[in-house]
């Protein structure tokens, strides 16, 4: 990032000719919105700085087409803005004045919602480029550093306010190692204000994302990059050829998802035909009805879109919109909240759907990714106890914790605990006269500590994470699983007891 600062400083000193073209272009933006009876967006100095840099790079780096997502995000972020998905319009010309003249003939950018804009012009010899950035701002953030030099404090507070109707901010951070953290947030009243304490402990590039809730579900409200201690590494190429058929798109997106999971030592996800149909139906519906949200206009959610009675237990959904399906997924990978779904250690199955359409002459792909912990078919598990052990192993591995050793004595005690709890319809019921902890120390006299988790779930692969599971000192485990009906918890539920012990 430090290497970019001189460039921004140079671009800020805009030559008079370029400044005149920028003024003409900015006036044209305002006129075009007002001509169709819409409020003109506000010219934003930070977006203007970003647009100038992108115009310069349009002549020197990405010399055809529009900037890639990471290029766009970097320019907007380095300029101090945080708008997650600006629309970029790029015009190049061999005669400088032709760039602005071509833009003055354009009237195809005023149909979308826009609250702010920036326009920048760069002239290089006889060539020129003009870039317009349009955004519908969803959060106003207080100034936050984009570069933390070595020796500076690495913990800082991000504060801001969501723009209505967004509410209940969540803050996600992608760490330099690619992992994603959900940060604690203090939401301040009904006005959308929030603050979150962020730590940048290791050198590298962090992606910070603010997500808000609306009637259509969660939306990315702000996204920016922070470099700690070292310049940002050059982004990977985004010039991959885009698939043009559903079959090729699914194959390409599946490979990207599993490649990312392999890089983080997570098990690969298996495509599921039912999930593919759920995802495809929703992409097609969004394309046909002209909306883009996790909650459809009729109020239906992912839970309702999944087949009734299917053994899903827990599911996640990512949505992407871009000129191609790989570009849409690239955006998902670079959004910490969406990336968290892709890297969820509990998910084991996935389905991808893509709808191709044209909007205002632009090709777009509407991408839906659906993830679940269990397949919709085969509601009966062959070995629910082993499934529970496997789920614990995946979660421990995802946290880079040492594996747990399966202990027969703890397993027998856990099975008795689960059976007795089901008989009494009471998860806290004891399997004998002595408390479970005392029984553990009788069975394992060398144990230093013991702990017990108990869950009633419809799928043992979806047992929740717990403090005991994440405790690195625990090294022995026994799991007991019993399935049955309960007045309190419903029919065909799994009663799962997990007993941990720490043995030197």
Protein backbone atom coordinates (compact mmCIF):
# COMPACT_ATOMS: atom_id res chain seq x y z
CA UNK A 1 0.00 0.00 0.00
CA UNK A 2 2.87 2.37 0.70
CA UNK A 3 3.88 2.13 -2.94
CA UNK A 4 0.47 3.48 -3.87
CA UNK A 5 0.62 6.61 -1.76
CA UNK A 6 2.89 8.59 -4.12
CA UNK A 7 0.57 7.69 -6.99
CA UNK A 8 -2.44 9.02 -5.13
CA UNK A 9 -0.55 12.20 -4.27
CA UNK A 10 0.35 12.75 -7.92
CA UNK A 11 -3.16 12.07 -9.12
CA UNK A 12 -4.56 14.52 -6.58
CA UNK A 13 -2.72 17.31 -8.40
CA UNK A 14 -4.95 17.07 -11.46
CA UNK A 15 -3.75 18.97 -14.58
CA UNK A 16 -6.06 21.83 -15.60
CA UNK A 17 -7.20 20.05 -18.79
CA UNK A 18 -8.14 16.91 -16.87
CA UNK A 19 -9.83 18.99 -14.16
CA UNK A 20 -11.98 20.67 -16.80
CA UNK A 21 -13.01 17.33 -18.27
CA UNK A 22 -13.86 16.04 -14.78
CA UNK A 23 -16.08 19.09 -14.12
CA UNK A 24 -17.93 18.54 -17.40
CA UNK A 25 -18.38 14.85 -16.62
CA UNK A 26 -19.62 15.55 -13.07
CA UNK A 27 -22.17 18.05 -14.37
CA UNK A 28 -23.36 15.47 -16.89
CA UNK A 29 -23.91 12.94 -14.09
CA UNK A 30 -26.11 15.38 -12.17
CA UNK A 31 -28.06 16.40 -15.30
CA UNK A 32 -28.76 12.81 -16.34
CA UNK A 33 -30.20 11.82 -12.96
CA UNK A 34 -32.31 14.99 -12.77
CA UNK A 35 -33.48 14.49 -16.36
CA UNK A 36 -35.21 11.25 -15.41
CA UNK A 37 -36.67 12.75 -12.23
CA UNK A 38 -34.22 11.24 -9.79
CA UNK A 39 -32.17 12.94 -7.11
CA UNK A 40 -28.61 13.49 -8.30
CA UNK A 41 -25.95 11.62 -6.33
CA UNK A 42 -23.45 13.59 -4.27
CA UNK A 43 -19.94 13.99 -5.66
CA UNK A 44 -17.58 12.36 -3.16
CA UNK A 45 -13.91 13.47 -3.00
CA UNK A 46 -12.73 10.01 -1.92
CA UNK A 47 -14.48 8.33 -4.82
CA UNK A 48 -13.03 10.97 -7.13
CA UNK A 49 -9.53 10.11 -5.88
CA UNK A 50 -10.24 6.43 -6.49
CA UNK A 51 -11.62 7.16 -9.96
CA UNK A 52 -8.49 9.14 -10.90
CA UNK A 53 -6.27 6.26 -9.87
CA UNK A 54 -8.40 3.77 -11.80
CA UNK A 55 -8.32 6.03 -14.87
CA UNK A 56 -4.52 6.08 -14.69
CA UNK A 57 -4.40 2.28 -14.30
CA UNK A 58 -6.82 1.90 -17.23
CA UNK A 59 -4.03 3.25 -19.43
CA UNK A 60 -1.15 1.39 -17.76
CA UNK A 61 -2.44 -1.86 -16.19
CA UNK A 62 -5.88 -3.19 -17.11
CA UNK A 63 -5.79 -1.73 -20.62
CA UNK A 64 -9.05 -3.35 -21.75
CA UNK A 65 -12.42 -3.75 -20.05
CA UNK A 66 -13.29 -2.68 -16.54
CA UNK A 67 -11.14 -3.11 -13.42
CA UNK A 68 -11.31 -6.43 -11.59
CA UNK A 69 -12.93 -6.65 -8.18
CA UNK A 70 -9.73 -6.55 -6.13
CA UNK A 71 -8.36 -3.66 -8.22
CA UNK A 72 -11.60 -1.76 -7.66
CA UNK A 73 -11.70 -2.55 -3.94
CA UNK A 74 -8.06 -1.52 -3.49
CA UNK A 75 -8.55 1.85 -5.19
CA UNK A 76 -11.71 2.70 -3.24
CA UNK A 77 -10.24 1.51 0.05
CA UNK A 78 -6.89 3.30 -0.37
CA UNK A 79 -8.77 6.52 -1.09
CA UNK A 80 -10.44 6.22 2.33
CA UNK A 81 -13.88 5.09 1.17
CA UNK A 82 -15.53 1.75 2.04
CA UNK A 83 -18.31 1.23 -0.51
CA UNK A 84 -18.37 -2.53 -1.22
CA UNK A 85 -19.59 -2.75 -4.81
CA UNK A 86 -19.23 0.44 -6.87
CA UNK A 87 -20.40 0.37 -10.44
CA UNK A 88 -17.47 1.34 -12.64
CA UNK A 89 -17.83 2.81 -16.12
CA UNK A 90 -14.54 3.09 -18.07
CA UNK A 91 -13.99 5.03 -21.29
CA UNK A 92 -10.67 5.08 -23.15
CA UNK A 93 -9.81 7.33 -26.11
CA UNK A 94 -6.84 8.07 -28.36
CA UNK A 95 -7.68 11.77 -28.27
CA UNK A 96 -8.08 13.11 -24.72
CA UNK A 97 -11.14 15.27 -25.43
CA UNK A 98 -12.89 12.29 -27.04
CA UNK A 99 -13.01 10.54 -23.66
CA UNK A 100 -15.24 13.16 -22.11
CA UNK A 101 -17.19 13.71 -25.33
CA UNK A 102 -18.01 10.00 -25.46
CA UNK A 103 -19.13 10.11 -21.83
CA UNK A 104 -21.37 13.14 -22.48
CA UNK A 105 -23.22 11.01 -25.03
CA UNK A 106 -23.89 8.26 -22.49
CA UNK A 107 -27.27 8.10 -20.77
CA UNK A 108 -27.19 4.49 -19.53
CA UNK A 109 -25.97 5.03 -15.95
CA UNK A 110 -28.95 6.77 -14.34
CA UNK A 111 -31.28 3.79 -13.96
CA UNK A 112 -29.64 2.34 -10.84
CA UNK A 113 -29.80 3.62 -7.28
CA UNK A 114 -26.87 5.88 -6.47
CA UNK A 115 -26.23 8.18 -3.53
CA UNK A 116 -22.62 9.18 -4.26
CA UNK A 117 -20.25 9.26 -7.22
CA UNK A 118 -16.74 10.12 -8.25
CA UNK A 119 -15.35 10.80 -11.70
CA UNK A 120 -11.68 10.86 -12.65
CA UNK A 121 -9.71 11.54 -15.84
CA UNK A 122 -6.14 10.57 -16.66
CA UNK A 123 -4.17 11.69 -19.72
CA UNK A 124 -1.06 9.81 -20.80
CA UNK A 125 0.54 11.18 -23.95
CA UNK A 126 -2.17 11.20 -26.61
CA UNK A 127 -4.37 8.73 -24.75
CA UNK A 128 -6.94 9.42 -22.08
CA UNK A 129 -9.25 7.45 -19.79
CA UNK A 130 -12.33 8.49 -17.86
CA UNK A 131 -13.73 6.47 -14.96
CA UNK A 132 -17.10 6.98 -13.28
CA UNK A 133 -17.79 5.31 -9.93
CA UNK A 134 -21.39 5.12 -8.72
CA UNK A 135 -22.36 3.79 -5.28
CA UNK A 136 -25.47 3.43 -3.18
CA UNK A 137 -23.87 4.10 0.21
CA UNK A 138 -25.15 1.87 3.01
CA UNK A 139 -22.91 2.95 5.89
CA UNK A 140 -21.13 6.08 7.03
CA UNK A 141 -17.86 5.21 8.77
CA UNK A 142 -15.59 7.39 10.84
CA UNK A 143 -12.09 7.76 9.43
CA UNK A 144 -10.10 4.57 9.89
CA UNK A 145 -6.45 3.99 8.92
CA UNK A 146 -5.71 1.85 5.90
CA UNK A 147 -2.03 1.37 6.78
CA UNK A 148 -0.66 0.48 10.20
CA UNK A 149 3.10 0.91 10.29
CA UNK A 150 5.36 -1.28 12.38
CA UNK A 151 5.47 0.01 15.92
CA UNK A 152 2.02 1.61 15.84
CA UNK A 153 -0.72 0.31 18.12
CA UNK A 154 -2.43 -2.63 16.43
CA UNK A 155 -5.83 -2.47 18.15
CA UNK A 156 -8.27 0.22 17.00
CA UNK A 157 -11.96 1.00 17.21
CA UNK A 158 -14.14 1.15 14.12
CA UNK A 159 -17.28 3.25 14.55
CA UNK A 160 -20.00 4.25 12.15
CA UNK A 161 -23.70 4.21 11.38
CA UNK A 162 -25.73 2.06 9.01
CA UNK A 163 -27.95 3.86 6.53
CA UNK A 164 -31.65 2.95 7.02
CA UNK A 165 -33.26 0.53 6.54
CA UNK A 166 -30.15 -1.43 7.51
CA UNK A 167 -29.82 -2.24 11.20
CA UNK A 168 -27.91 -4.46 13.66
CA UNK A 169 -24.35 -4.22 12.38
CA UNK A 170 -22.07 -7.26 12.28
CA UNK A 171 -18.34 -6.90 11.63
CA UNK A 172 -16.23 -9.63 9.99
CA UNK A 173 -12.49 -9.59 9.37
CA UNK A 174 -10.50 -11.81 7.02
CA UNK A 175 -7.06 -12.32 8.55
CA UNK A 176 -3.82 -12.40 6.50
CA UNK A 177 -3.87 -16.22 6.75
CA UNK A 178 -7.29 -16.33 5.07
CA UNK A 179 -9.31 -17.22 8.17
CA UNK A 180 -12.40 -15.19 9.09
CA UNK A 181 -13.34 -13.76 12.50
CA UNK A 182 -16.68 -12.39 13.67
CA UNK A 183 -15.83 -9.40 15.84
CA UNK A 184 -17.74 -8.21 18.94
CA UNK A 185 -19.94 -5.20 18.15
CA UNK A 186 -21.70 -2.63 20.29
CA UNK A 187 -24.88 -1.56 18.47
CA UNK A 188 -26.05 1.81 19.73
CA UNK A 189 -29.81 2.16 19.79
CA UNK A 190 -32.18 2.07 16.84
CA UNK A 191 -30.25 4.61 14.76
CA UNK A 192 -27.85 2.13 13.22
CA UNK A 193 -24.80 3.35 15.14
CA UNK A 194 -22.14 0.82 16.11
CA UNK A 195 -18.55 0.40 17.29
CA UNK A 196 -16.24 -2.60 17.12
CA UNK A 197 -12.76 -3.13 18.51
CA UNK A 198 -10.46 -4.59 15.82
CA UNK A 199 -7.02 -6.14 16.32
CA UNK A 200 -4.33 -6.29 13.62
CA UNK A 201 -1.79 -8.46 15.38
CA UNK A 202 0.25 -9.88 12.51
CA UNK A 203 1.67 -8.28 9.34
CA UNK A 204 -0.32 -8.58 6.14
CA UNK A 205 -3.56 -7.49 4.52
CA UNK A 206 -6.88 -7.60 6.38
CA UNK A 207 -10.34 -7.27 4.83
CA UNK A 208 -12.87 -5.54 7.10
CA UNK A 209 -16.57 -5.91 6.34
CA UNK A 210 -19.67 -4.42 7.94
CA UNK A 211 -22.93 -6.30 7.39
CA UNK A 212 -26.38 -4.92 8.19
CA UNK A 213 -29.82 -6.52 8.33
CA UNK A 214 -32.83 -5.43 6.28
CA UNK A 215 -36.17 -6.91 5.26
CA UNK A 216 -34.39 -8.75 2.44
CA UNK A 217 -31.87 -10.32 4.81
CA UNK A 218 -28.19 -9.47 5.43
CA UNK A 219 -26.42 -6.96 3.15
CA UNK A 220 -22.78 -5.91 2.92
CA UNK A 221 -22.77 -2.27 3.98
CA UNK A 222 -19.03 -1.49 3.93
CA UNK A 223 -15.80 -3.21 2.95
CA UNK A 224 -12.20 -1.99 3.02
CA UNK A 225 -8.62 -3.22 3.30
CA UNK A 226 -6.10 -2.58 6.05
CA UNK A 227 -2.39 -3.30 5.64
CA UNK A 228 -0.34 -3.96 8.74
CA UNK A 229 3.41 -3.54 8.63
CA UNK A 230 4.08 -4.37 4.98
CA UNK A 231 2.96 -3.29 1.50
CA UNK A 232 0.02 -5.14 0.01
CA UNK A 233 0.90 -8.08 -2.18
CA UNK A 234 -0.17 -7.93 -5.80
CA UNK A 235 -3.61 -9.42 -6.34
CA UNK A 236 -4.02 -12.69 -8.17
CA UNK A 237 -5.09 -12.35 -11.77
CA UNK A 238 -8.83 -12.02 -12.30
CA UNK A 239 -8.68 -12.54 -16.07
CA UNK A 240 -9.87 -16.16 -15.92
CA UNK A 241 -12.15 -17.10 -18.81
CA UNK A 242 -15.74 -17.07 -17.58
CA UNK A 243 -17.92 -20.18 -18.04
CA UNK A 244 -20.96 -19.61 -20.25
CA UNK A 245 -22.99 -22.72 -19.42
CA UNK A 246 -24.49 -23.89 -16.14
CA UNK A 247 -22.54 -27.14 -16.19
CA UNK A 248 -19.19 -25.41 -16.73
CA UNK A 249 -20.02 -22.75 -14.15
CA UNK A 250 -20.84 -25.33 -11.49
CA UNK A 251 -17.65 -27.24 -12.20
CA UNK A 252 -15.51 -24.09 -11.97
CA UNK A 253 -17.14 -22.76 -8.79
CA UNK A 254 -16.97 -26.16 -7.08
CA UNK A 255 -13.25 -26.34 -7.82
CA UNK A 256 -12.68 -22.83 -6.42
CA UNK A 257 -14.61 -23.66 -3.24
CA UNK A 258 -12.79 -26.92 -2.60
CA UNK A 259 -9.40 -25.43 -3.50
CA UNK A 260 -9.94 -22.80 -0.80
CA UNK A 261 -11.02 -25.43 1.71
CA UNK A 262 -8.00 -27.60 0.91
CA UNK A 263 -5.75 -24.59 1.50
CA UNK A 264 -7.24 -24.32 5.01
CA UNK A 265 -6.98 -28.07 5.75
CA UNK A 266 -10.76 -28.50 5.62
CA UNK A 267 -12.55 -31.48 4.06
CA UNK A 268 -13.88 -30.89 0.56
CA UNK A 269 -17.61 -30.36 0.02
CA UNK A 270 -19.63 -32.82 -2.05
CA UNK A 271 -22.08 -31.53 -4.69
CA UNK A 272 -25.66 -32.59 -4.01
CA UNK A 273 -28.30 -32.78 -6.76
CA UNK A 274 -31.15 -31.57 -4.54
CA UNK A 275 -29.13 -28.59 -3.30
CA UNK A 276 -28.16 -27.79 -6.89
CA UNK A 277 -31.83 -27.60 -7.83
CA UNK A 278 -32.63 -25.39 -4.82
CA UNK A 279 -29.79 -23.03 -5.76
CA UNK A 280 -30.68 -23.01 -9.47
CA UNK A 281 -34.36 -22.32 -8.82
CA UNK A 282 -33.48 -19.35 -6.64
CA UNK A 283 -30.97 -17.86 -9.10
CA UNK A 284 -33.57 -18.19 -11.86
CA UNK A 285 -36.23 -16.58 -9.66
CA UNK A 286 -34.03 -13.60 -8.76
CA UNK A 287 -33.17 -13.13 -12.42
CA UNK A 288 -36.80 -13.33 -13.57
CA UNK A 289 -38.32 -11.19 -10.81
CA UNK A 290 -35.52 -8.62 -10.69
CA UNK A 291 -34.44 -8.79 -7.04
CA UNK A 292 -31.25 -9.83 -5.26
CA UNK A 293 -31.65 -10.78 -1.59
CA UNK A 294 -31.60 -13.73 0.78
CA UNK A 295 -35.25 -13.15 1.63
CA UNK A 296 -37.56 -13.23 -1.41
CA UNK A 297 -40.32 -10.63 -1.89
CA UNK A 298 -42.88 -13.13 -0.56
CA UNK A 299 -40.88 -13.45 2.68
CA UNK A 300 -39.51 -16.93 1.97
CA UNK A 301 -36.04 -17.79 3.28
CA UNK A 302 -33.51 -20.51 2.57
CA UNK A 303 -35.15 -22.70 5.21
CA UNK A 304 -38.42 -22.61 3.29
CA UNK A 305 -36.66 -23.21 -0.04
CA UNK A 306 -35.12 -26.44 1.19
CA UNK A 307 -37.31 -29.54 0.78
CA UNK A 308 -39.71 -30.15 3.66
CA UNK A 309 -38.62 -32.99 5.90
CA UNK A 310 -35.06 -33.07 4.60
CA UNK A 311 -32.32 -33.69 7.18
CA UNK A 312 -30.44 -30.42 6.81
CA UNK A 313 -30.30 -29.15 10.40
CA UNK A 314 -28.04 -26.21 9.52
CA UNK A 315 -27.61 -24.52 6.16
CA UNK A 316 -25.93 -21.45 4.69
CA UNK A 317 -26.36 -19.41 1.52
CA UNK A 318 -24.11 -17.10 -0.49
CA UNK A 319 -25.34 -14.83 -3.28
CA UNK A 320 -23.16 -13.19 -5.92
CA UNK A 321 -23.85 -10.88 -8.86
CA UNK A 322 -21.18 -10.07 -11.46
CA UNK A 323 -20.47 -10.18 -15.20
CA UNK A 324 -19.64 -13.90 -14.86
CA UNK A 325 -20.07 -16.72 -12.33
CA UNK A 326 -16.37 -16.86 -11.42
CA UNK A 327 -16.30 -13.10 -10.88
CA UNK A 328 -19.36 -13.47 -8.65
CA UNK A 329 -17.63 -16.18 -6.62
CA UNK A 330 -14.41 -14.13 -6.51
CA UNK A 331 -16.47 -11.42 -4.80
CA UNK A 332 -17.80 -14.00 -2.35
CA UNK A 333 -14.28 -15.12 -1.44
CA UNK A 334 -13.25 -11.53 -0.78
CA UNK A 335 -16.28 -10.80 1.43
CA UNK A 336 -15.42 -11.98 4.95
CA UNK A 337 -19.04 -12.79 5.85
CA UNK A 338 -19.56 -14.87 2.70
CA UNK A 339 -16.11 -16.45 2.97
CA UNK A 340 -17.04 -17.64 6.46
CA UNK A 341 -19.73 -19.87 4.93
CA UNK A 342 -17.28 -21.31 2.40
CA UNK A 343 -14.82 -22.17 5.19
CA UNK A 344 -17.38 -23.42 7.73
CA UNK A 345 -15.91 -26.73 9.01
CA UNK A 346 -19.38 -28.12 9.72
CA UNK A 347 -20.64 -27.94 6.13
CA UNK A 348 -20.17 -31.07 4.02
CA UNK A 349 -22.49 -30.66 1.01
CA UNK A 350 -23.10 -27.87 -1.50
CA UNK A 351 -25.20 -26.88 -4.46
CA UNK A 352 -24.57 -24.10 -7.00
CA UNK A 353 -27.05 -22.36 -9.28
CA UNK A 354 -26.37 -19.74 -11.97
CA UNK A 355 -28.75 -17.66 -14.07
CA UNK A 356 -27.36 -15.67 -17.01
CA UNK A 357 -29.16 -12.50 -18.12
CA UNK A 358 -28.61 -9.06 -19.65
CA UNK A 359 -29.32 -5.78 -17.84
CA UNK A 360 -29.02 -2.47 -19.70
CA UNK A 361 -26.84 -4.19 -22.28
CA UNK A 362 -24.51 -5.70 -19.64
CA UNK A 363 -24.08 -9.44 -19.22
CA UNK A 364 -24.64 -10.60 -15.63
CA UNK A 365 -24.54 -13.91 -13.77
CA UNK A 366 -26.69 -14.42 -10.67
CA UNK A 367 -24.92 -16.96 -8.47
CA UNK A 368 -26.43 -18.90 -5.56
CA UNK A 369 -24.36 -21.18 -3.34
CA UNK A 370 -26.12 -23.38 -0.76
CA UNK A 371 -24.28 -25.32 1.96
CA UNK A 372 -25.55 -27.91 4.44
CA UNK A 373 -24.11 -30.17 7.12
CA UNK A 374 -26.03 -33.20 5.83
CA UNK A 375 -27.49 -34.40 2.53
CA UNK A 376 -31.26 -34.26 1.99
CA UNK A 377 -31.41 -37.96 1.16
CA UNK A 378 -30.88 -40.89 3.52
CA UNK A 379 -32.59 -39.52 6.64
CA UNK A 380 -31.31 -42.53 8.62
CA UNK A 381 -27.62 -42.46 9.53
CA UNK A 382 -25.80 -45.77 9.37
CA UNK A 383 -23.56 -44.91 12.33
CA UNK A 384 -24.67 -41.73 14.15
CA UNK A 385 -22.03 -42.17 16.85
CA UNK A 386 -19.21 -42.22 14.28
CA UNK A 387 -20.78 -39.21 12.54
CA UNK A 388 -20.61 -37.30 15.83
CA UNK A 389 -16.96 -38.28 16.34
CA UNK A 390 -16.14 -37.18 12.79
CA UNK A 391 -17.87 -33.82 13.36
CA UNK A 392 -15.78 -33.24 16.51
CA UNK A 393 -12.59 -34.15 14.63
CA UNK A 394 -13.37 -31.66 11.83
CA UNK A 395 -14.03 -28.86 14.27
CA UNK A 396 -10.87 -29.53 16.26
CA UNK A 397 -8.82 -29.66 13.06
CA UNK A 398 -10.31 -26.38 11.82
CA UNK A 399 -9.11 -24.72 15.04
CA UNK A 400 -5.67 -26.35 14.64
CA UNK A 401 -6.14 -28.18 17.95
CA UNK A 402 -4.61 -31.60 18.71
CA UNK A 403 -6.90 -34.54 17.94
CA UNK A 404 -8.95 -36.19 20.67
CA UNK A 405 -8.36 -39.83 21.60
CA UNK A 406 -11.48 -41.96 21.69
CA UNK A 407 -11.82 -43.58 25.12
CA UNK A 408 -13.95 -46.72 25.59
CA UNK A 409 -14.71 -46.07 29.27
CA UNK A 410 -15.86 -42.51 28.60
CA UNK A 411 -17.89 -43.78 25.66
CA UNK A 412 -19.74 -46.32 27.83
CA UNK A 413 -20.48 -43.65 30.41
CA UNK A 414 -21.66 -41.19 27.72
CA UNK A 415 -23.99 -43.79 26.19
CA UNK A 416 -25.51 -44.50 29.63
CA UNK A 417 -25.90 -40.77 30.21
CA UNK A 418 -27.71 -40.29 26.88
CA UNK A 419 -29.98 -43.31 27.43
CA UNK A 420 -31.00 -42.21 30.94
CA UNK A 421 -31.60 -38.63 29.82
CA UNK A 422 -33.95 -39.83 27.07
CA UNK A 423 -35.83 -42.10 29.50
CA UNK A 424 -36.46 -39.19 31.85
CA UNK A 425 -36.86 -36.62 29.04
CA UNK A 426 -34.28 -34.51 30.87
CA UNK A 427 -30.86 -33.71 29.34
CA UNK A 428 -29.35 -33.02 32.77
CA UNK A 429 -30.33 -36.45 34.16
CA UNK A 430 -27.45 -38.43 35.66
CA UNK A 431 -26.71 -41.98 34.43
CA UNK A 432 -26.22 -43.25 38.01
CA UNK A 433 -26.18 -42.20 41.63
CA UNK A 434 -22.84 -40.37 41.37
CA UNK A 435 -22.51 -37.22 39.21
CA UNK A 436 -20.93 -37.72 35.80
CA UNK A 437 -17.78 -35.80 36.74
CA UNK A 438 -17.16 -38.07 39.73
CA UNK A 439 -17.65 -41.14 37.56
CA UNK A 440 -15.07 -39.80 35.08
CA UNK A 441 -12.45 -39.45 37.82
CA UNK A 442 -13.25 -42.99 39.01
CA UNK A 443 -12.73 -44.35 35.50
CA UNK A 444 -9.66 -42.20 34.76
CA UNK A 445 -7.84 -41.55 38.05
CA UNK A 446 -5.08 -39.60 36.26
CA UNK A 447 -7.52 -37.12 34.70
CA UNK A 448 -6.88 -33.53 35.70
CA UNK A 449 -10.22 -32.13 34.52
CA UNK A 450 -13.48 -33.44 33.11
CA UNK A 451 -16.41 -31.78 31.34
CA UNK A 452 -19.70 -32.86 29.82
CA UNK A 453 -21.70 -31.49 26.90
CA UNK A 454 -25.24 -32.63 26.16
CA UNK A 455 -27.26 -31.84 23.03
CA UNK A 456 -30.63 -32.82 21.63
CA UNK A 457 -30.37 -32.44 17.86
CA UNK A 458 -31.95 -33.80 14.70
CA UNK A 459 -28.51 -34.63 13.26
CA UNK A 460 -25.44 -35.63 15.30
CA UNK A 461 -23.14 -34.11 12.67
CA UNK A 462 -24.49 -30.70 13.65
CA UNK A 463 -23.70 -30.74 17.36
CA UNK A 464 -22.76 -27.14 18.25
CA UNK A 465 -19.27 -26.00 19.12
CA UNK A 466 -18.58 -25.65 22.83
CA UNK A 467 -15.95 -24.39 25.22
CA UNK A 468 -14.98 -27.98 26.08
CA UNK A 469 -14.52 -28.88 22.41
CA UNK A 470 -12.25 -25.84 21.91
CA UNK A 471 -10.19 -26.51 25.07
CA UNK A 472 -6.72 -27.58 23.91
CA UNK A 473 -6.02 -29.35 27.24
CA UNK A 474 -8.76 -31.91 26.63
CA UNK A 475 -7.28 -35.00 24.97
CA UNK A 476 -9.75 -37.83 25.71
CA UNK A 477 -13.35 -38.07 24.58
CA UNK A 478 -16.30 -40.41 24.70
CA UNK A 479 -19.54 -39.92 22.74
CA UNK A 480 -22.88 -41.55 23.44
CA UNK A 481 -25.79 -41.26 20.99
CA UNK A 482 -29.36 -42.45 21.48
CA UNK A 483 -32.29 -41.71 19.19
CA UNK A 484 -35.88 -41.48 20.34
CA UNK A 485 -39.07 -39.48 20.85
CA UNK A 486 -39.55 -36.79 23.46
CA UNK A 487 -42.51 -34.72 24.58
CA UNK A 488 -40.21 -31.75 25.13
CA UNK A 489 -37.97 -32.00 22.07
CA UNK A 490 -40.02 -33.86 19.44
CA UNK A 491 -39.76 -37.15 17.59
CA UNK A 492 -36.73 -38.91 16.15
CA UNK A 493 -34.22 -36.67 17.89
CA UNK A 494 -30.65 -37.64 18.70
CA UNK A 495 -29.66 -37.33 22.36
CA UNK A 496 -25.90 -36.83 22.34
CA UNK A 497 -23.62 -36.86 25.38
CA UNK A 498 -19.98 -35.84 24.89
CA UNK A 499 -17.59 -36.37 27.79
CA UNK A 500 -14.09 -34.82 27.74
CA UNK A 501 -11.13 -35.40 29.97
CA UNK A 502 -7.61 -34.00 30.22
CA UNK A 503 -5.13 -36.76 31.04
CA UNK A 504 -1.41 -35.91 31.41
